[in-house]
């Protein structure tokens, strides 16, 4: 995602840094992640991210 953002900064979402950090944590530090923390991210932040992704894909 970092590489993609370097080449296409226009696709940045409102919380792009947090998205990248979360992806990295899930990929590299998954054994220290609380299920409740992941669920909270899904419930609170995924709907907006989905809306932004659909908008970007429609361009």
Protein backbone atom coordinates (compact mmCIF):
# COMPACT_ATOMS: atom_id res chain seq x y z
CA UNK A 1 0.00 0.00 0.00
CA UNK A 2 2.86 2.39 0.74
CA UNK A 3 4.29 1.84 -2.74
CA UNK A 4 0.89 2.34 -4.31
CA UNK A 5 0.41 5.62 -2.44
CA UNK A 6 3.81 6.88 -3.60
CA UNK A 7 2.79 6.37 -7.22
CA UNK A 8 -0.88 7.31 -6.87
CA UNK A 9 -1.33 9.77 -3.98
CA UNK A 10 -4.82 10.63 -5.23
CA UNK A 11 -6.11 7.31 -3.90
CA UNK A 12 -5.38 8.24 -0.30
CA UNK A 13 -8.28 7.69 2.06
CA UNK A 14 -9.11 9.86 5.03
CA UNK A 15 -7.13 7.65 7.43
CA UNK A 16 -4.52 6.26 5.09
CA UNK A 17 -1.71 6.23 7.68
CA UNK A 18 -3.87 4.31 10.15
CA UNK A 19 -4.92 1.86 7.43
CA UNK A 20 -1.30 1.15 6.53
CA UNK A 21 -0.31 0.81 10.18
CA UNK A 22 -3.17 -1.62 10.81
CA UNK A 23 -2.28 -3.71 7.77
CA UNK A 24 1.32 -3.90 8.97
CA UNK A 25 0.27 -4.85 12.49
CA UNK A 26 -2.04 -7.58 11.20
CA UNK A 27 0.67 -8.93 8.91
CA UNK A 28 3.65 -8.76 11.26
CA UNK A 29 2.41 -8.58 14.85
CA UNK A 30 -0.74 -10.66 14.64
CA UNK A 31 0.01 -12.64 17.79
CA UNK A 32 -0.32 -9.47 19.90
CA UNK A 33 -3.64 -8.27 18.50
CA UNK A 34 -6.79 -8.46 20.58
CA UNK A 35 -9.89 -9.78 18.81
CA UNK A 36 -11.94 -7.00 20.36
CA UNK A 37 -9.57 -4.41 18.89
CA UNK A 38 -9.98 -5.87 15.40
CA UNK A 39 -13.75 -6.08 15.80
CA UNK A 40 -13.86 -2.45 16.95
CA UNK A 41 -11.91 -1.35 13.87
CA UNK A 42 -14.28 -3.32 11.63
CA UNK A 43 -17.41 -1.83 13.18
CA UNK A 44 -16.19 1.76 13.53
CA UNK A 45 -13.94 2.32 10.52
CA UNK A 46 -14.64 -0.22 7.79
CA UNK A 47 -17.91 1.36 6.58
CA UNK A 48 -16.17 4.68 5.77
CA UNK A 49 -13.21 2.90 4.18
CA UNK A 50 -15.60 0.87 2.03
CA UNK A 51 -17.43 4.03 0.92
CA UNK A 52 -14.15 5.70 -0.01
CA UNK A 53 -12.90 2.61 -1.85
CA UNK A 54 -16.13 2.31 -3.86
CA UNK A 55 -15.88 6.00 -4.76
CA UNK A 56 -12.24 5.66 -5.87
CA UNK A 57 -13.01 2.56 -7.92
CA UNK A 58 -15.86 4.33 -9.68
CA UNK A 59 -13.54 7.06 -11.01
